[in-house]
Structures are given as C-alpha cells and as structure tokens.
N, C-alpha and C. Protein backbone atom coordinates (compact mmCIF):
# COMPACT_ATOMS: atom_id res chain seq x y z
N MET A 1 15.61 36.63 22.94
CA MET A 1 16.17 35.84 24.03
C MET A 1 16.64 36.77 25.14
N ALA A 2 16.41 36.37 26.36
CA ALA A 2 16.80 37.17 27.52
C ALA A 2 18.32 37.16 27.68
N ARG A 3 18.81 38.25 28.20
CA ARG A 3 20.25 38.38 28.46
C ARG A 3 20.66 37.42 29.58
N ALA A 4 21.78 36.74 29.40
CA ALA A 4 22.29 35.82 30.42
C ALA A 4 22.77 36.63 31.63
N ILE A 5 22.55 36.09 32.78
CA ILE A 5 23.00 36.72 34.02
C ILE A 5 24.43 36.27 34.27
N THR A 6 25.32 37.21 34.47
CA THR A 6 26.74 36.89 34.62
C THR A 6 27.30 37.20 36.00
N ARG A 7 26.50 37.84 36.86
CA ARG A 7 26.96 38.17 38.21
C ARG A 7 25.92 37.69 39.23
N TYR A 8 26.40 37.14 40.34
CA TYR A 8 25.47 36.67 41.37
C TYR A 8 24.62 37.82 41.91
N ALA A 9 25.19 39.01 42.00
CA ALA A 9 24.44 40.17 42.49
C ALA A 9 23.21 40.44 41.63
N ASP A 10 23.27 40.12 40.36
CA ASP A 10 22.12 40.27 39.47
C ASP A 10 21.19 39.05 39.54
N PHE A 11 21.77 37.90 39.84
CA PHE A 11 20.99 36.67 39.91
C PHE A 11 20.05 36.66 41.13
N TRP A 12 20.53 37.12 42.27
CA TRP A 12 19.76 37.04 43.51
C TRP A 12 18.38 37.68 43.40
N PRO A 13 18.23 38.91 42.90
CA PRO A 13 16.88 39.47 42.75
C PRO A 13 16.04 38.69 41.73
N TYR A 14 16.68 38.21 40.68
CA TYR A 14 15.98 37.37 39.70
C TYR A 14 15.45 36.11 40.38
N TYR A 15 16.30 35.47 41.17
CA TYR A 15 15.91 34.26 41.90
C TYR A 15 14.70 34.54 42.79
N LEU A 16 14.73 35.64 43.52
CA LEU A 16 13.62 35.97 44.41
C LEU A 16 12.34 36.23 43.62
N ARG A 17 12.43 36.87 42.48
CA ARG A 17 11.23 37.10 41.65
C ARG A 17 10.68 35.78 41.12
N GLU A 18 11.55 34.79 40.91
CA GLU A 18 11.11 33.47 40.48
C GLU A 18 10.45 32.70 41.62
N HIS A 19 10.51 33.23 42.82
CA HIS A 19 9.90 32.64 44.02
C HIS A 19 8.94 33.65 44.65
N ALA A 20 8.16 34.30 43.82
CA ALA A 20 7.30 35.40 44.26
C ALA A 20 6.15 34.95 45.16
N ARG A 21 5.64 33.78 44.95
CA ARG A 21 4.49 33.32 45.74
C ARG A 21 4.96 32.72 47.07
N PRO A 22 4.34 33.14 48.16
CA PRO A 22 4.72 32.61 49.48
C PRO A 22 4.65 31.08 49.55
N GLU A 23 3.68 30.49 48.88
CA GLU A 23 3.55 29.02 48.91
C GLU A 23 4.76 28.36 48.24
N THR A 24 5.26 28.96 47.18
CA THR A 24 6.46 28.43 46.53
C THR A 24 7.62 28.42 47.51
N ARG A 25 7.79 29.51 48.22
CA ARG A 25 8.88 29.60 49.19
C ARG A 25 8.67 28.60 50.32
N ARG A 26 7.45 28.44 50.81
CA ARG A 26 7.19 27.48 51.89
C ARG A 26 7.54 26.06 51.46
N ILE A 27 7.17 25.69 50.25
CA ILE A 27 7.49 24.34 49.76
C ILE A 27 9.00 24.18 49.63
N HIS A 28 9.67 25.22 49.17
CA HIS A 28 11.14 25.19 49.12
C HIS A 28 11.72 24.97 50.50
N TYR A 29 11.19 25.67 51.49
CA TYR A 29 11.72 25.55 52.85
C TYR A 29 11.57 24.12 53.38
N ILE A 30 10.47 23.48 53.07
CA ILE A 30 10.28 22.09 53.50
C ILE A 30 11.35 21.21 52.89
N GLY A 31 11.55 21.34 51.59
CA GLY A 31 12.58 20.53 50.92
C GLY A 31 13.97 20.82 51.44
N THR A 32 14.28 22.09 51.67
CA THR A 32 15.60 22.46 52.18
C THR A 32 15.80 21.92 53.59
N ALA A 33 14.78 22.04 54.43
CA ALA A 33 14.89 21.49 55.79
C ALA A 33 15.10 19.98 55.74
N LEU A 34 14.42 19.31 54.83
CA LEU A 34 14.60 17.85 54.71
C LEU A 34 16.00 17.48 54.26
N THR A 35 16.67 18.36 53.51
CA THR A 35 18.05 18.03 53.13
C THR A 35 18.93 17.92 54.37
N PHE A 36 18.66 18.73 55.38
CA PHE A 36 19.44 18.65 56.62
C PHE A 36 19.09 17.38 57.40
N VAL A 37 17.81 17.03 57.40
CA VAL A 37 17.39 15.79 58.07
C VAL A 37 18.08 14.60 57.44
N PHE A 38 18.02 14.52 56.10
CA PHE A 38 18.62 13.38 55.41
C PHE A 38 20.14 13.40 55.49
N LEU A 39 20.73 14.58 55.54
CA LEU A 39 22.18 14.66 55.74
C LEU A 39 22.56 14.06 57.10
N GLY A 40 21.80 14.41 58.13
CA GLY A 40 22.05 13.86 59.46
C GLY A 40 21.92 12.34 59.49
N ILE A 41 20.86 11.85 58.86
CA ILE A 41 20.65 10.39 58.80
C ILE A 41 21.79 9.74 58.01
N ALA A 42 22.17 10.35 56.90
CA ALA A 42 23.24 9.78 56.07
C ALA A 42 24.57 9.75 56.82
N LEU A 43 24.86 10.82 57.54
CA LEU A 43 26.10 10.85 58.31
C LEU A 43 26.08 9.82 59.44
N ALA A 44 24.91 9.63 60.05
CA ALA A 44 24.80 8.70 61.17
C ALA A 44 24.79 7.24 60.73
N SER A 45 24.16 6.98 59.58
CA SER A 45 23.98 5.58 59.20
C SER A 45 24.56 5.19 57.85
N GLY A 46 24.89 6.19 57.03
CA GLY A 46 25.41 5.87 55.70
C GLY A 46 24.33 5.29 54.81
N GLY A 47 24.74 4.49 53.89
CA GLY A 47 23.79 3.82 53.01
C GLY A 47 23.14 4.75 52.01
N TRP A 48 21.95 4.42 51.61
CA TRP A 48 21.24 5.10 50.52
C TRP A 48 20.70 6.47 50.90
N TRP A 49 20.80 6.87 52.14
CA TRP A 49 20.24 8.16 52.56
C TRP A 49 20.86 9.34 51.83
N TRP A 50 22.08 9.18 51.31
CA TRP A 50 22.71 10.26 50.55
C TRP A 50 21.87 10.62 49.33
N VAL A 51 21.22 9.64 48.76
CA VAL A 51 20.38 9.87 47.58
C VAL A 51 19.18 10.75 47.93
N ALA A 52 18.70 10.66 49.15
CA ALA A 52 17.52 11.40 49.56
C ALA A 52 17.77 12.91 49.66
N ILE A 53 19.01 13.32 49.82
CA ILE A 53 19.31 14.75 49.99
C ILE A 53 18.92 15.54 48.75
N PRO A 54 19.46 15.23 47.58
CA PRO A 54 19.04 16.01 46.40
C PRO A 54 17.59 15.74 46.00
N LEU A 55 17.10 14.54 46.25
CA LEU A 55 15.69 14.25 45.92
C LEU A 55 14.75 15.14 46.72
N ALA A 56 15.04 15.31 47.99
CA ALA A 56 14.19 16.17 48.82
C ALA A 56 14.31 17.62 48.38
N GLY A 57 15.53 18.09 48.26
CA GLY A 57 15.73 19.49 47.90
C GLY A 57 15.14 19.84 46.55
N TYR A 58 15.53 19.10 45.53
CA TYR A 58 15.06 19.40 44.18
C TYR A 58 13.61 18.98 43.97
N GLY A 59 13.22 17.88 44.57
CA GLY A 59 11.84 17.41 44.38
C GLY A 59 10.81 18.42 44.86
N PHE A 60 10.98 18.91 46.05
CA PHE A 60 10.04 19.90 46.58
C PHE A 60 10.12 21.21 45.79
N ALA A 61 11.34 21.63 45.48
CA ALA A 61 11.51 22.89 44.75
C ALA A 61 10.87 22.82 43.37
N TRP A 62 11.14 21.75 42.64
CA TRP A 62 10.60 21.64 41.29
C TRP A 62 9.09 21.51 41.30
N PHE A 63 8.56 20.78 42.28
CA PHE A 63 7.11 20.71 42.42
C PHE A 63 6.53 22.11 42.59
N ALA A 64 7.15 22.91 43.45
CA ALA A 64 6.66 24.27 43.70
C ALA A 64 6.70 25.12 42.43
N HIS A 65 7.75 24.97 41.66
CA HIS A 65 7.85 25.76 40.44
C HIS A 65 6.83 25.33 39.40
N PHE A 66 6.69 24.04 39.19
CA PHE A 66 5.79 23.56 38.15
C PHE A 66 4.31 23.68 38.52
N ARG A 67 3.98 23.49 39.80
CA ARG A 67 2.57 23.46 40.20
C ARG A 67 2.08 24.75 40.85
N VAL A 68 2.93 25.48 41.51
CA VAL A 68 2.50 26.69 42.22
C VAL A 68 2.91 27.94 41.46
N GLU A 69 4.20 28.10 41.26
CA GLU A 69 4.72 29.31 40.62
C GLU A 69 4.48 29.29 39.10
N ARG A 70 4.41 28.09 38.55
CA ARG A 70 4.20 27.91 37.10
C ARG A 70 5.33 28.54 36.28
N ASN A 71 6.56 28.28 36.70
CA ASN A 71 7.71 28.76 35.95
C ASN A 71 8.77 27.66 35.90
N ARG A 72 9.80 27.92 35.16
CA ARG A 72 10.89 26.96 34.98
C ARG A 72 11.92 27.20 36.09
N PRO A 73 12.31 26.15 36.83
CA PRO A 73 13.27 26.33 37.90
C PRO A 73 14.58 26.95 37.40
N ALA A 74 15.08 27.92 38.13
CA ALA A 74 16.32 28.59 37.76
C ALA A 74 17.50 27.64 37.78
N THR A 75 17.37 26.55 38.51
CA THR A 75 18.47 25.58 38.60
C THR A 75 18.80 24.95 37.25
N PHE A 76 17.86 24.96 36.32
CA PHE A 76 18.12 24.41 35.00
C PHE A 76 19.13 25.25 34.23
N THR A 77 19.16 26.55 34.50
CA THR A 77 20.07 27.46 33.80
C THR A 77 21.25 27.87 34.67
N TYR A 78 21.01 28.04 35.95
CA TYR A 78 22.04 28.52 36.89
C TYR A 78 22.12 27.56 38.09
N PRO A 79 22.64 26.35 37.89
CA PRO A 79 22.56 25.35 38.97
C PRO A 79 23.29 25.72 40.26
N LEU A 80 24.50 26.22 40.17
CA LEU A 80 25.24 26.53 41.40
C LEU A 80 24.65 27.73 42.12
N TRP A 81 24.37 28.79 41.40
CA TRP A 81 23.76 29.97 42.02
C TRP A 81 22.40 29.64 42.61
N SER A 82 21.65 28.77 41.97
CA SER A 82 20.34 28.39 42.50
C SER A 82 20.48 27.62 43.81
N LEU A 83 21.43 26.71 43.85
CA LEU A 83 21.66 25.94 45.07
C LEU A 83 22.04 26.86 46.22
N VAL A 84 22.98 27.76 45.97
CA VAL A 84 23.40 28.72 46.99
C VAL A 84 22.20 29.56 47.43
N SER A 85 21.40 29.99 46.47
CA SER A 85 20.27 30.87 46.77
C SER A 85 19.16 30.15 47.53
N ASP A 86 18.98 28.85 47.28
CA ASP A 86 18.00 28.08 48.04
C ASP A 86 18.33 28.15 49.53
N TYR A 87 19.58 27.91 49.85
CA TYR A 87 19.98 27.93 51.26
C TYR A 87 20.01 29.36 51.80
N ARG A 88 20.42 30.30 50.98
CA ARG A 88 20.41 31.71 51.43
C ARG A 88 18.98 32.14 51.77
N MET A 89 18.04 31.84 50.89
CA MET A 89 16.64 32.20 51.14
C MET A 89 16.12 31.51 52.40
N PHE A 90 16.45 30.25 52.57
CA PHE A 90 16.02 29.47 53.73
C PHE A 90 16.52 30.11 55.03
N PHE A 91 17.82 30.39 55.09
CA PHE A 91 18.38 30.94 56.33
C PHE A 91 17.94 32.37 56.59
N LEU A 92 17.78 33.16 55.53
CA LEU A 92 17.25 34.52 55.72
C LEU A 92 15.82 34.46 56.25
N ALA A 93 15.02 33.53 55.74
CA ALA A 93 13.64 33.39 56.22
C ALA A 93 13.61 32.98 57.68
N ILE A 94 14.43 32.01 58.05
CA ILE A 94 14.48 31.56 59.45
C ILE A 94 14.88 32.71 60.37
N ALA A 95 15.81 33.53 59.92
CA ALA A 95 16.28 34.65 60.73
C ALA A 95 15.34 35.85 60.69
N GLY A 96 14.27 35.77 59.88
CA GLY A 96 13.34 36.87 59.77
C GLY A 96 13.90 38.05 58.98
N ARG A 97 14.87 37.78 58.11
CA ARG A 97 15.54 38.85 57.37
C ARG A 97 15.31 38.78 55.86
N LEU A 98 14.37 37.98 55.40
CA LEU A 98 14.15 37.83 53.97
C LEU A 98 13.33 38.98 53.38
N ARG A 99 12.38 39.52 54.11
CA ARG A 99 11.46 40.53 53.58
C ARG A 99 12.16 41.69 52.88
N PRO A 100 13.21 42.31 53.43
CA PRO A 100 13.86 43.42 52.71
C PRO A 100 14.44 42.99 51.37
N HIS A 101 14.94 41.79 51.29
CA HIS A 101 15.48 41.27 50.03
C HIS A 101 14.35 41.12 49.00
N LEU A 102 13.22 40.58 49.45
CA LEU A 102 12.07 40.43 48.56
C LEU A 102 11.57 41.80 48.07
N THR A 103 11.50 42.74 48.98
CA THR A 103 11.04 44.08 48.63
C THR A 103 11.95 44.72 47.60
N ARG A 104 13.25 44.65 47.82
CA ARG A 104 14.21 45.21 46.86
C ARG A 104 14.10 44.55 45.49
N ALA A 105 13.74 43.25 45.48
CA ALA A 105 13.60 42.52 44.21
C ALA A 105 12.25 42.79 43.56
N GLY A 106 11.37 43.51 44.24
CA GLY A 106 10.05 43.81 43.68
C GLY A 106 9.00 42.76 43.95
N VAL A 107 9.24 41.92 44.94
CA VAL A 107 8.30 40.85 45.30
C VAL A 107 7.43 41.34 46.45
N SER A 108 6.12 41.35 46.24
CA SER A 108 5.22 41.84 47.28
C SER A 108 4.60 40.71 48.09
N GLY A 109 4.57 39.51 47.56
CA GLY A 109 3.90 38.38 48.22
C GLY A 109 4.69 37.73 49.30
C-alpha cells in the first residue's frame, strides 16, 4: 500500500502527476470555469443552480480521469486538497505560470 500523503506540499506534485495529460487538464479547466458561471447564475437567481456547481466541477474532472487519464480521482482520497488544487491549477494555467510546477513534478505533457 502506498504511503498516505500528510502534507499539502507533498500532495501538490502528486496532484499534478495525476493530471499529466494536457487533455485531462483542459477538461478540468472547462469544469472549473463552469463552476464560476453557475455560481454567478446561482447568486443572481438562486434556485437549483447551486446544484450545478459541484456537478460541473466534479463531472468534468471525473470524466477526464476515467476516460482520458485512466486513473482514480485524487478527490476520493484527498477531497479538500484536491478541491484547492483544482482551483490552484486553473488559476496558474490562466496566468501562464503552471509549466514550472508541472516540470518540478516531473510532468512533461
């Protein structure tokens, strides 16, 4: 059995390696962006739109893991760190600052 990760500093490179394929990251970005869209709609109109936020975020992410990356989503084992890392990866990518993190984690794709 693999050793449990107990520090976020150790989790972050693991998380990036679990997202090694560019297509996996792109699908994650779509889902993460949609969480902001649905949050805006939910804040503006209320109602059932709140349900769409986790469905978009997790739905796209899990699809990417099961169909593209072919691995088990880290959120099943590390839910809070995974959530934080989804948004961290998203904002680093938007800012054009993700590549050094991927390189340090050993991700070439």
